[in-house]
């Protein structure tokens, strides 16, 4: 019962944030940024087929493996980016990040 109340409260809070930051001048750049995440990860070498050779991702993986004694630790930055590169961002993650980014942009826009 507590989980659903928490979820309901979180959804209500996010909805308020979205209403505050719904100006197209604020939301449009954030939508473009969210769409760019998969392209940027792919360009870095984090692909659905794995880490591309001779890429930034390969260099990051090599450094992480050396630092961890031969393997990349689960939950590390490299592992997380590879997971995102392979599967992309979930709809909920896009919604949450977009809402937070919109709120921050709206807050900044108030000063200008």
PDB file of N, CA and C in Angstrom:
ATOM      1  N   UNK A   1       0.821  -1.186   0.000  1.00  0.00           N
ATOM      2  CA  UNK A   1       0.000   0.000   0.000  1.00  0.00           C
ATOM      3  C   UNK A   1       0.873   1.261   0.000  1.00  0.00           C
ATOM      4  N   UNK A   2       1.984   1.223   0.757  1.00  0.00           N
ATOM      5  CA  UNK A   2       2.856   2.389   0.812  1.00  0.00           C
ATOM      6  C   UNK A   2       3.502   2.664  -0.542  1.00  0.00           C
ATOM      7  N   UNK A   3       3.861   1.600  -1.263  1.00  0.00           N
ATOM      8  CA  UNK A   3       4.520   1.774  -2.555  1.00  0.00           C
ATOM      9  C   UNK A   3       3.607   2.492  -3.542  1.00  0.00           C
ATOM     10  N   UNK A   4       2.316   2.120  -3.556  1.00  0.00           N
ATOM     11  CA  UNK A   4       1.418   2.786  -4.494  1.00  0.00           C
ATOM     12  C   UNK A   4       1.187   4.242  -4.111  1.00  0.00           C
ATOM     13  N   UNK A   5       1.158   4.525  -2.804  1.00  0.00           N
ATOM     14  CA  UNK A   5       1.011   5.914  -2.370  1.00  0.00           C
ATOM     15  C   UNK A   5       2.239   6.722  -2.759  1.00  0.00           C
ATOM     16  N   UNK A   6       3.423   6.112  -2.625  1.00  0.00           N
ATOM     17  CA  UNK A   6       4.658   6.784  -3.006  1.00  0.00           C
ATOM     18  C   UNK A   6       4.679   7.022  -4.511  1.00  0.00           C
ATOM     19  N   UNK A   7       4.298   6.020  -5.281  1.00  0.00           N
ATOM     20  CA  UNK A   7       4.264   6.154  -6.729  1.00  0.00           C
ATOM     21  C   UNK A   7       3.281   7.236  -7.153  1.00  0.00           C
ATOM     22  N   UNK A   8       2.103   7.254  -6.532  1.00  0.00           N
ATOM     23  CA  UNK A   8       1.100   8.264  -6.852  1.00  0.00           C
ATOM     24  C   UNK A   8       1.628   9.656  -6.549  1.00  0.00           C
ATOM     25  N   UNK A   9       2.303   9.795  -5.415  1.00  0.00           N
ATOM     26  CA  UNK A   9       2.870  11.081  -5.033  1.00  0.00           C
ATOM     27  C   UNK A   9       3.953  11.510  -6.019  1.00  0.00           C
ATOM     28  N   UNK A  10       4.796  10.562  -6.429  1.00  0.00           N
ATOM     29  CA  UNK A  10       5.863  10.873  -7.375  1.00  0.00           C
ATOM     30  C   UNK A  10       5.292  11.298  -8.719  1.00  0.00           C
ATOM     31  N   UNK A  11       4.260  10.599  -9.177  1.00  0.00           N
ATOM     32  CA  UNK A  11       3.634  10.941 -10.456  1.00  0.00           C
ATOM     33  C   UNK A  11       3.011  12.329 -10.383  1.00  0.00           C
ATOM     34  N   UNK A  12       2.351  12.636  -9.264  1.00  0.00           N
ATOM     35  CA  UNK A  12       1.750  13.955  -9.090  1.00  0.00           C
ATOM     36  C   UNK A  12       2.815  15.039  -9.110  1.00  0.00           C
ATOM     37  N   UNK A  13       3.934  14.797  -8.432  1.00  0.00           N
ATOM     38  CA  UNK A  13       5.025  15.779  -8.405  1.00  0.00           C
ATOM     39  C   UNK A  13       5.602  15.995  -9.789  1.00  0.00           C
ATOM     40  N   UNK A  14       5.807  14.905 -10.512  1.00  0.00           N
ATOM     41  CA  UNK A  14       6.362  15.020 -11.859  1.00  0.00           C
ATOM     42  C   UNK A  14       5.381  15.753 -12.772  1.00  0.00           C
ATOM     43  N   UNK A  15       4.095  15.491 -12.612  1.00  0.00           N
ATOM     44  CA  UNK A  15       3.090  16.183 -13.428  1.00  0.00           C
ATOM     45  C   UNK A  15       3.127  17.682 -13.169  1.00  0.00           C
ATOM     46  N   UNK A  16       3.322  18.087 -11.916  1.00  0.00           N
ATOM     47  CA  UNK A  16       3.422  19.512 -11.602  1.00  0.00           C
ATOM     48  C   UNK A  16       4.650  20.119 -12.277  1.00  0.00           C
ATOM     49  N   UNK A  17       5.766  19.379 -12.247  1.00  0.00           N
ATOM     50  CA  UNK A  17       6.990  19.857 -12.877  1.00  0.00           C
ATOM     51  C   UNK A  17       6.774  20.027 -14.374  1.00  0.00           C
ATOM     52  N   UNK A  18       6.110  19.072 -14.997  1.00  0.00           N
ATOM     53  CA  UNK A  18       5.868  19.135 -16.431  1.00  0.00           C
ATOM     54  C   UNK A  18       4.995  20.341 -16.768  1.00  0.00           C
ATOM     55  N   UNK A  19       3.970  20.611 -15.935  1.00  0.00           N
ATOM     56  CA  UNK A  19       3.118  21.769 -16.181  1.00  0.00           C
ATOM     57  C   UNK A  19       3.911  23.060 -16.095  1.00  0.00           C
ATOM     58  N   UNK A  20       4.812  23.159 -15.107  1.00  0.00           N
ATOM     59  CA  UNK A  20       5.607  24.373 -14.929  1.00  0.00           C
ATOM     60  C   UNK A  20       6.541  24.583 -16.112  1.00  0.00           C
ATOM     61  N   UNK A  21       7.110  23.485 -16.616  1.00  0.00           N
ATOM     62  CA  UNK A  21       8.129  23.589 -17.650  1.00  0.00           C
ATOM     63  C   UNK A  21       7.606  23.231 -19.030  1.00  0.00           C
ATOM     64  N   UNK A  22       6.357  23.516 -19.301  1.00  0.00           N
ATOM     65  CA  UNK A  22       5.778  23.068 -20.559  1.00  0.00           C
ATOM     66  C   UNK A  22       5.984  24.037 -21.723  1.00  0.00           C
ATOM     67  N   UNK A  23       6.679  25.133 -21.507  1.00  0.00           N
ATOM     68  CA  UNK A  23       6.936  26.059 -22.612  1.00  0.00           C
ATOM     69  C   UNK A  23       7.786  25.395 -23.673  1.00  0.00           C
ATOM     70  N   UNK A  24       7.432  25.568 -24.940  1.00  0.00           N
ATOM     71  CA  UNK A  24       8.137  24.870 -26.014  1.00  0.00           C
ATOM     72  C   UNK A  24       9.604  25.278 -26.103  1.00  0.00           C
ATOM     73  N   UNK A  25       9.930  26.495 -25.696  1.00  0.00           N
ATOM     74  CA  UNK A  25      11.321  26.944 -25.742  1.00  0.00           C
ATOM     75  C   UNK A  25      12.175  26.150 -24.762  1.00  0.00           C
ATOM     76  N   UNK A  26      11.578  25.622 -23.716  1.00  0.00           N
ATOM     77  CA  UNK A  26      12.310  24.845 -22.719  1.00  0.00           C
ATOM     78  C   UNK A  26      12.290  23.369 -23.075  1.00  0.00           C
ATOM     79  N   UNK A  27      11.158  22.854 -23.493  1.00  0.00           N
ATOM     80  CA  UNK A  27      10.986  21.419 -23.684  1.00  0.00           C
ATOM     81  C   UNK A  27      11.661  20.926 -24.961  1.00  0.00           C
ATOM     82  N   UNK A  28      11.594  21.656 -26.048  1.00  0.00           N
ATOM     83  CA  UNK A  28      12.125  21.190 -27.326  1.00  0.00           C
ATOM     84  C   UNK A  28      13.607  20.813 -27.264  1.00  0.00           C
ATOM     85  N   UNK A  29      14.487  21.643 -26.707  1.00  0.00           N
ATOM     86  CA  UNK A  29      15.891  21.232 -26.640  1.00  0.00           C
ATOM     87  C   UNK A  29      16.092  19.966 -25.803  1.00  0.00           C
ATOM     88  N   UNK A  30      15.288  19.787 -24.785  1.00  0.00           N
ATOM     89  CA  UNK A  30      15.427  18.599 -23.944  1.00  0.00           C
ATOM     90  C   UNK A  30      14.957  17.351 -24.670  1.00  0.00           C
ATOM     91  N   UNK A  31      13.930  17.477 -25.476  1.00  0.00           N
ATOM     92  CA  UNK A  31      13.471  16.336 -26.273  1.00  0.00           C
ATOM     93  C   UNK A  31      14.554  15.945 -27.271  1.00  0.00           C
ATOM     94  N   UNK A  32      15.165  16.920 -27.896  1.00  0.00           N
ATOM     95  CA  UNK A  32      16.247  16.653 -28.837  1.00  0.00           C
ATOM     96  C   UNK A  32      17.417  15.981 -28.114  1.00  0.00           C
ATOM     97  N   UNK A  33      17.738  16.450 -26.926  1.00  0.00           N
ATOM     98  CA  UNK A  33      18.834  15.855 -26.158  1.00  0.00           C
ATOM     99  C   UNK A  33      18.540  14.405 -25.801  1.00  0.00           C
ATOM    100  N   UNK A  34      17.304  14.114 -25.418  1.00  0.00           N
ATOM    101  CA  UNK A  34      16.933  12.741 -25.069  1.00  0.00           C
ATOM    102  C   UNK A  34      17.032  11.834 -26.300  1.00  0.00           C
ATOM    103  N   UNK A  35      16.678  12.343 -27.461  1.00  0.00           N
ATOM    104  CA  UNK A  35      16.762  11.553 -28.683  1.00  0.00           C
ATOM    105  C   UNK A  35      18.213  11.348 -29.102  1.00  0.00           C
ATOM    106  N   UNK A  36      19.093  12.251 -28.693  1.00  0.00           N
ATOM    107  CA  UNK A  36      20.496  12.175 -29.082  1.00  0.00           C
ATOM    108  C   UNK A  36      21.291  11.164 -28.264  1.00  0.00           C
ATOM    109  N   UNK A  37      20.794  10.767 -27.107  1.00  0.00           N
ATOM    110  CA  UNK A  37      21.539   9.851 -26.230  1.00  0.00           C
ATOM    111  C   UNK A  37      21.954   8.577 -26.962  1.00  0.00           C
ATOM    112  N   UNK A  38      21.050   7.855 -27.625  1.00  0.00           N
ATOM    113  CA  UNK A  38      21.484   6.640 -28.323  1.00  0.00           C
ATOM    114  C   UNK A  38      22.522   6.905 -29.417  1.00  0.00           C
ATOM    115  N   UNK A  39      22.385   8.023 -30.120  1.00  0.00           N
ATOM    116  CA  UNK A  39      23.346   8.345 -31.177  1.00  0.00           C
ATOM    117  C   UNK A  39      24.727   8.639 -30.599  1.00  0.00           C
ATOM    118  N   UNK A  40      24.765   9.362 -29.486  1.00  0.00           N
ATOM    119  CA  UNK A  40      26.042   9.696 -28.854  1.00  0.00           C
ATOM    120  C   UNK A  40      26.714   8.432 -28.326  1.00  0.00           C
ATOM    121  N   UNK A  41      25.937   7.560 -27.682  1.00  0.00           N
ATOM    122  CA  UNK A  41      26.509   6.313 -27.171  1.00  0.00           C
ATOM    123  C   UNK A  41      27.059   5.462 -28.309  1.00  0.00           C
ATOM    124  N   UNK A  42      26.322   5.386 -29.402  1.00  0.00           N
ATOM    125  CA  UNK A  42      26.778   4.616 -30.558  1.00  0.00           C
ATOM    126  C   UNK A  42      28.055   5.215 -31.140  1.00  0.00           C
ATOM    127  N   UNK A  43      28.111   6.536 -31.232  1.00  0.00           N
ATOM    128  CA  UNK A  43      29.306   7.204 -31.755  1.00  0.00           C
ATOM    129  C   UNK A  43      30.517   6.961 -30.865  1.00  0.00           C
ATOM    130  N   UNK A  44      30.284   6.817 -29.559  1.00  0.00           N
ATOM    131  CA  UNK A  44      31.376   6.530 -28.629  1.00  0.00           C
ATOM    132  C   UNK A  44      31.843   5.079 -28.717  1.00  0.00           C
ATOM    133  N   UNK A  45      30.991   4.210 -29.297  1.00  0.00           N
ATOM    134  CA  UNK A  45      31.368   2.807 -29.442  1.00  0.00           C
ATOM    135  C   UNK A  45      30.544   1.848 -28.605  1.00  0.00           C
ATOM    136  N   UNK A  46      29.557   2.349 -27.881  1.00  0.00           N
ATOM    137  CA  UNK A  46      28.662   1.495 -27.091  1.00  0.00           C
ATOM    138  C   UNK A  46      27.494   1.109 -27.991  1.00  0.00           C
ATOM    139  N   UNK A  47      27.581  -0.058 -28.638  1.00  0.00           N
ATOM    140  CA  UNK A  47      26.578  -0.461 -29.619  1.00  0.00           C
ATOM    141  C   UNK A  47      25.790  -1.666 -29.137  1.00  0.00           C
ATOM    142  N   UNK A  48      24.721  -1.989 -29.859  1.00  0.00           N
ATOM    143  CA  UNK A  48      23.899  -3.146 -29.520  1.00  0.00           C
ATOM    144  C   UNK A  48      24.674  -4.446 -29.681  1.00  0.00           C
ATOM    145  N   UNK A  49      25.669  -4.457 -30.556  1.00  0.00           N
ATOM    146  CA  UNK A  49      26.477  -5.654 -30.790  1.00  0.00           C
ATOM    147  C   UNK A  49      27.649  -5.768 -29.815  1.00  0.00           C
ATOM    148  N   UNK A  50      27.836  -4.785 -28.968  1.00  0.00           N
ATOM    149  CA  UNK A  50      28.954  -4.785 -28.020  1.00  0.00           C
ATOM    150  C   UNK A  50      29.797  -3.542 -28.210  1.00  0.00           C
ATOM    151  N   UNK A  51      30.916  -3.515 -27.530  1.00  0.00           N
ATOM    152  CA  UNK A  51      31.804  -2.358 -27.621  1.00  0.00           C
ATOM    153  C   UNK A  51      32.618  -2.448 -28.909  1.00  0.00           C
ATOM    154  N   UNK A  52      32.587  -1.378 -29.689  1.00  0.00           N
ATOM    155  CA  UNK A  52      33.288  -1.340 -30.971  1.00  0.00           C
ATOM    156  C   UNK A  52      34.794  -1.209 -30.749  1.00  0.00           C
ATOM    157  N   UNK A  53      35.557  -1.925 -31.567  1.00  0.00           N
ATOM    158  CA  UNK A  53      37.012  -1.867 -31.425  1.00  0.00           C
ATOM    159  C   UNK A  53      37.536  -0.494 -31.839  1.00  0.00           C
ATOM    160  N   UNK A  54      38.640  -0.100 -31.247  1.00  0.00           N
ATOM    161  CA  UNK A  54      39.313   1.177 -31.527  1.00  0.00           C
ATOM    162  C   UNK A  54      38.421   2.387 -31.305  1.00  0.00           C
ATOM    163  N   UNK A  55      37.520   2.293 -30.341  1.00  0.00           N
ATOM    164  CA  UNK A  55      36.613   3.404 -30.049  1.00  0.00           C
ATOM    165  C   UNK A  55      36.913   3.968 -28.659  1.00  0.00           C
ATOM    166  N   UNK A  56      36.252   5.053 -28.345  1.00  0.00           N
ATOM    167  CA  UNK A  56      36.366   5.625 -26.997  1.00  0.00           C
ATOM    168  C   UNK A  56      35.895   4.599 -25.970  1.00  0.00           C
ATOM    169  N   UNK A  57      34.836   3.881 -26.308  1.00  0.00           N
ATOM    170  CA  UNK A  57      34.307   2.864 -25.397  1.00  0.00           C
ATOM    171  C   UNK A  57      35.339   1.769 -25.132  1.00  0.00           C
ATOM    172  N   UNK A  58      36.070   1.377 -26.178  1.00  0.00           N
ATOM    173  CA  UNK A  58      37.100   0.343 -26.013  1.00  0.00           C
ATOM    174  C   UNK A  58      38.218   0.835 -25.098  1.00  0.00           C
ATOM    175  N   UNK A  59      38.598   2.094 -25.245  1.00  0.00           N
ATOM    176  CA  UNK A  59      39.636   2.656 -24.377  1.00  0.00           C
ATOM    177  C   UNK A  59      39.149   2.736 -22.927  1.00  0.00           C
ATOM    178  N   UNK A  60      37.870   3.130 -22.754  1.00  0.00           N
ATOM    179  CA  UNK A  60      37.300   3.184 -21.403  1.00  0.00           C
ATOM    180  C   UNK A  60      37.252   1.793 -20.781  1.00  0.00           C
ATOM    181  N   UNK A  61      36.861   0.795 -21.584  1.00  0.00           N
ATOM    182  CA  UNK A  61      36.774  -0.571 -21.087  1.00  0.00           C
ATOM    183  C   UNK A  61      38.154  -1.097 -20.705  1.00  0.00           C
ATOM    184  N   UNK A  62      39.157  -0.807 -21.513  1.00  0.00           N
ATOM    185  CA  UNK A  62      40.520  -1.239 -21.226  1.00  0.00           C
ATOM    186  C   UNK A  62      41.024  -0.632 -19.923  1.00  0.00           C
ATOM    187  N   UNK A  63      40.782   0.658 -19.751  1.00  0.00           N
ATOM    188  CA  UNK A  63      41.211   1.336 -18.523  1.00  0.00           C
ATOM    189  C   UNK A  63      40.500   0.757 -17.306  1.00  0.00           C
ATOM    190  N   UNK A  64      39.196   0.522 -17.413  1.00  0.00           N
ATOM    191  CA  UNK A  64      38.430  -0.041 -16.296  1.00  0.00           C
ATOM    192  C   UNK A  64      38.892  -1.452 -15.968  1.00  0.00           C
ATOM    193  N   UNK A  65      39.178  -2.246 -17.003  1.00  0.00           N
ATOM    194  CA  UNK A  65      39.629  -3.617 -16.777  1.00  0.00           C
ATOM    195  C   UNK A  65      40.995  -3.651 -16.091  1.00  0.00           C
ATOM    196  N   UNK A  66      41.895  -2.792 -16.523  1.00  0.00           N
ATOM    197  CA  UNK A  66      43.225  -2.726 -15.895  1.00  0.00           C
ATOM    198  C   UNK A  66      43.100  -2.298 -14.442  1.00  0.00           C
ATOM    199  N   UNK A  67      42.250  -1.316 -14.178  1.00  0.00           N
ATOM    200  CA  UNK A  67      42.063  -0.817 -12.808  1.00  0.00           C
ATOM    201  C   UNK A  67      41.429  -1.861 -11.889  1.00  0.00           C
ATOM    202  N   UNK A  68      40.617  -2.763 -12.478  1.00  0.00           N
ATOM    203  CA  UNK A  68      39.930  -3.769 -11.667  1.00  0.00           C
ATOM    204  C   UNK A  68      40.591  -5.144 -11.724  1.00  0.00           C
ATOM    205  N   UNK A  69      41.811  -5.212 -12.205  1.00  0.00           N
ATOM    206  CA  UNK A  69      42.519  -6.484 -12.225  1.00  0.00           C
ATOM    207  C   UNK A  69      42.086  -7.433 -13.323  1.00  0.00           C
ATOM    208  N   UNK A  70      41.603  -6.932 -14.430  1.00  0.00           N
ATOM    209  CA  UNK A  70      41.301  -7.779 -15.567  1.00  0.00           C
ATOM    210  C   UNK A  70      39.858  -7.849 -15.998  1.00  0.00           C
ATOM    211  N   UNK A  71      38.931  -7.316 -15.232  1.00  0.00           N
ATOM    212  CA  UNK A  71      37.520  -7.370 -15.614  1.00  0.00           C
ATOM    213  C   UNK A  71      36.835  -6.047 -15.344  1.00  0.00           C
ATOM    214  N   UNK A  72      35.776  -5.817 -16.040  1.00  0.00           N
ATOM    215  CA  UNK A  72      34.986  -4.605 -15.829  1.00  0.00           C
ATOM    216  C   UNK A  72      33.941  -4.905 -14.761  1.00  0.00           C
ATOM    217  N   UNK A  73      33.923  -4.105 -13.708  1.00  0.00           N
ATOM    218  CA  UNK A  73      32.989  -4.324 -12.598  1.00  0.00           C
ATOM    219  C   UNK A  73      31.559  -4.032 -13.033  1.00  0.00           C
ATOM    220  N   UNK A  74      30.640  -4.882 -12.603  1.00  0.00           N
ATOM    221  CA  UNK A  74      29.230  -4.609 -12.908  1.00  0.00           C
ATOM    222  C   UNK A  74      28.801  -3.365 -12.150  1.00  0.00           C
ATOM    223  N   UNK A  75      27.996  -2.558 -12.790  1.00  0.00           N
ATOM    224  CA  UNK A  75      27.543  -1.311 -12.172  1.00  0.00           C
ATOM    225  C   UNK A  75      28.500  -0.155 -12.391  1.00  0.00           C
ATOM    226  N   UNK A  76      29.639  -0.412 -13.023  1.00  0.00           N
ATOM    227  CA  UNK A  76      30.596   0.666 -13.288  1.00  0.00           C
ATOM    228  C   UNK A  76      30.070   1.546 -14.428  1.00  0.00           C
ATOM    229  N   UNK A  77      30.720   2.652 -14.651  1.00  0.00           N
ATOM    230  CA  UNK A  77      30.314   3.568 -15.715  1.00  0.00           C
ATOM    231  C   UNK A  77      30.333   2.870 -17.070  1.00  0.00           C
ATOM    232  N   UNK A  78      31.389   2.113 -17.341  1.00  0.00           N
ATOM    233  CA  UNK A  78      31.494   1.418 -18.629  1.00  0.00           C
ATOM    234  C   UNK A  78      30.358   0.409 -18.779  1.00  0.00           C
ATOM    235  N   UNK A  79      30.089  -0.361 -17.736  1.00  0.00           N
ATOM    236  CA  UNK A  79      29.014  -1.359 -17.798  1.00  0.00           C
ATOM    237  C   UNK A  79      27.653  -0.691 -17.999  1.00  0.00           C
ATOM    238  N   UNK A  80      27.418   0.406 -17.312  1.00  0.00           N
ATOM    239  CA  UNK A  80      26.151   1.118 -17.435  1.00  0.00           C
ATOM    240  C   UNK A  80      25.975   1.704 -18.830  1.00  0.00           C
ATOM    241  N   UNK A  81      27.024   2.337 -19.353  1.00  0.00           N
ATOM    242  CA  UNK A  81      26.941   2.909 -20.697  1.00  0.00           C
ATOM    243  C   UNK A  81      26.748   1.818 -21.752  1.00  0.00           C
ATOM    244  N   UNK A  82      27.399   0.665 -21.570  1.00  0.00           N
ATOM    245  CA  UNK A  82      27.211  -0.425 -22.521  1.00  0.00           C
ATOM    246  C   UNK A  82      25.779  -0.946 -22.471  1.00  0.00           C
ATOM    247  N   UNK A  83      25.229  -1.033 -21.275  1.00  0.00           N
ATOM    248  CA  UNK A  83      23.838  -1.462 -21.137  1.00  0.00           C
ATOM    249  C   UNK A  83      22.898  -0.492 -21.847  1.00  0.00           C
ATOM    250  N   UNK A  84      23.131   0.796 -21.660  1.00  0.00           N
ATOM    251  CA  UNK A  84      22.311   1.805 -22.341  1.00  0.00           C
ATOM    252  C   UNK A  84      22.513   1.771 -23.851  1.00  0.00           C
ATOM    253  N   UNK A  85      23.753   1.530 -24.281  1.00  0.00           N
ATOM    254  CA  UNK A  85      24.035   1.441 -25.707  1.00  0.00           C
ATOM    255  C   UNK A  85      23.354   0.240 -26.346  1.00  0.00           C
ATOM    256  N   UNK A  86      23.250  -0.852 -25.599  1.00  0.00           N
ATOM    257  CA  UNK A  86      22.652  -2.075 -26.133  1.00  0.00           C
ATOM    258  C   UNK A  86      21.129  -2.019 -26.124  1.00  0.00           C
ATOM    259  N   UNK A  87      20.557  -1.439 -25.076  1.00  0.00           N
ATOM    260  CA  UNK A  87      19.097  -1.472 -24.925  1.00  0.00           C
ATOM    261  C   UNK A  87      18.428  -0.118 -25.103  1.00  0.00           C
ATOM    262  N   UNK A  88      19.177   0.965 -24.978  1.00  0.00           N
ATOM    263  CA  UNK A  88      18.588   2.300 -25.042  1.00  0.00           C
ATOM    264  C   UNK A  88      17.943   2.675 -23.715  1.00  0.00           C
ATOM    265  N   UNK A  89      17.425   3.875 -23.643  1.00  0.00           N
ATOM    266  CA  UNK A  89      16.757   4.349 -22.436  1.00  0.00           C
ATOM    267  C   UNK A  89      15.314   3.860 -22.432  1.00  0.00           C
ATOM    268  N   UNK A  90      14.839   3.440 -21.273  1.00  0.00           N
ATOM    269  CA  UNK A  90      13.440   3.027 -21.175  1.00  0.00           C
ATOM    270  C   UNK A  90      12.537   4.255 -21.223  1.00  0.00           C
ATOM    271  N   UNK A  91      11.276   4.041 -21.509  1.00  0.00           N
ATOM    272  CA  UNK A  91      10.322   5.148 -21.564  1.00  0.00           C
ATOM    273  C   UNK A  91      10.232   5.892 -20.248  1.00  0.00           C
ATOM    274  N   UNK A  92      10.223   5.148 -19.137  1.00  0.00           N
ATOM    275  CA  UNK A  92      10.148   5.777 -17.819  1.00  0.00           C
ATOM    276  C   UNK A  92      11.386   6.621 -17.543  1.00  0.00           C
ATOM    277  N   UNK A  93      12.562   6.095 -17.911  1.00  0.00           N
ATOM    278  CA  UNK A  93      13.799   6.851 -17.706  1.00  0.00           C
ATOM    279  C   UNK A  93      13.789   8.131 -18.520  1.00  0.00           C
ATOM    280  N   UNK A  94      13.341   8.060 -19.765  1.00  0.00           N
ATOM    281  CA  UNK A  94      13.248   9.263 -20.595  1.00  0.00           C
ATOM    282  C   UNK A  94      12.295  10.277 -19.973  1.00  0.00           C
ATOM    283  N   UNK A  95      11.166   9.784 -19.462  1.00  0.00           N
ATOM    284  CA  UNK A  95      10.181  10.674 -18.848  1.00  0.00           C
ATOM    285  C   UNK A  95      10.761  11.364 -17.614  1.00  0.00           C
ATOM    286  N   UNK A  96      11.415  10.591 -16.753  1.00  0.00           N
ATOM    287  CA  UNK A  96      11.966  11.155 -15.522  1.00  0.00           C
ATOM    288  C   UNK A  96      13.081  12.146 -15.834  1.00  0.00           C
ATOM    289  N   UNK A  97      14.028  11.755 -16.687  1.00  0.00           N
ATOM    290  CA  UNK A  97      15.127  12.657 -17.025  1.00  0.00           C
ATOM    291  C   UNK A  97      14.631  13.906 -17.746  1.00  0.00           C
ATOM    292  N   UNK A  98      13.660  13.727 -18.625  1.00  0.00           N
ATOM    293  CA  UNK A  98      13.095  14.875 -19.319  1.00  0.00           C
ATOM    294  C   UNK A  98      12.390  15.831 -18.375  1.00  0.00           C
ATOM    295  N   UNK A  99      11.681  15.270 -17.398  1.00  0.00           N
ATOM    296  CA  UNK A  99      10.975  16.106 -16.428  1.00  0.00           C
ATOM    297  C   UNK A  99      11.949  16.875 -15.546  1.00  0.00           C
ATOM    298  N   UNK A 100      12.988  16.194 -15.089  1.00  0.00           N
ATOM    299  CA  UNK A 100      13.998  16.856 -14.252  1.00  0.00           C
ATOM    300  C   UNK A 100      14.713  17.939 -15.051  1.00  0.00           C
ATOM    301  N   UNK A 101      15.103  17.606 -16.283  1.00  0.00           N
ATOM    302  CA  UNK A 101      15.778  18.589 -17.130  1.00  0.00           C
ATOM    303  C   UNK A 101      14.897  19.778 -17.436  1.00  0.00           C
ATOM    304  N   UNK A 102      13.619  19.521 -17.673  1.00  0.00           N
ATOM    305  CA  UNK A 102      12.683  20.615 -17.945  1.00  0.00           C
ATOM    306  C   UNK A 102      12.538  21.530 -16.740  1.00  0.00           C
ATOM    307  N   UNK A 103      12.476  20.937 -15.559  1.00  0.00           N
ATOM    308  CA  UNK A 103      12.356  21.730 -14.335  1.00  0.00           C
ATOM    309  C   UNK A 103      13.595  22.595 -14.128  1.00  0.00           C
ATOM    310  N   UNK A 104      14.751  22.024 -14.374  1.00  0.00           N
ATOM    311  CA  UNK A 104      15.993  22.790 -14.225  1.00  0.00           C
ATOM    312  C   UNK A 104      16.034  23.927 -15.246  1.00  0.00           C
ATOM    313  N   UNK A 105      15.700  23.622 -16.496  1.00  0.00           N
ATOM    314  CA  UNK A 105      15.699  24.653 -17.537  1.00  0.00           C
ATOM    315  C   UNK A 105      14.695  25.750 -17.239  1.00  0.00           C
ATOM    316  N   UNK A 106      13.518  25.365 -16.738  1.00  0.00           N
ATOM    317  CA  UNK A 106      12.501  26.366 -16.391  1.00  0.00           C
ATOM    318  C   UNK A 106      12.997  27.258 -15.250  1.00  0.00           C
ATOM    319  N   UNK A 107      13.665  26.658 -14.287  1.00  0.00           N
ATOM    320  CA  UNK A 107      14.220  27.435 -13.175  1.00  0.00           C
ATOM    321  C   UNK A 107      15.272  28.423 -13.648  1.00  0.00           C
ATOM    322  N   UNK A 108      16.113  27.970 -14.554  1.00  0.00           N
ATOM    323  CA  UNK A 108      17.151  28.855 -15.106  1.00  0.00           C
ATOM    324  C   UNK A 108      16.508  29.955 -15.953  1.00  0.00           C
ATOM    325  N   UNK A 109      15.498  29.593 -16.738  1.00  0.00           N
ATOM    326  CA  UNK A 109      14.841  30.563 -17.621  1.00  0.00           C
ATOM    327  C   UNK A 109      14.161  31.699 -16.857  1.00  0.00           C
ATOM    328  N   UNK A 110      13.777  31.449 -15.617  1.00  0.00           N
ATOM    329  CA  UNK A 110      13.139  32.494 -14.821  1.00  0.00           C
ATOM    330  C   UNK A 110      14.063  33.662 -14.539  1.00  0.00           C
ATOM    331  N   UNK A 111      15.373  33.401 -14.573  1.00  0.00           N
ATOM    332  CA  UNK A 111      16.333  34.451 -14.287  1.00  0.00           C
ATOM    333  C   UNK A 111      16.695  35.273 -15.516  1.00  0.00           C
ATOM    334  N   UNK A 112      16.191  34.892 -16.673  1.00  0.00           N
ATOM    335  CA  UNK A 112      16.540  35.578 -17.917  1.00  0.00           C
ATOM    336  C   UNK A 112      15.355  36.191 -18.581  1.00  0.00           C
TER     337      UNK A 112
END
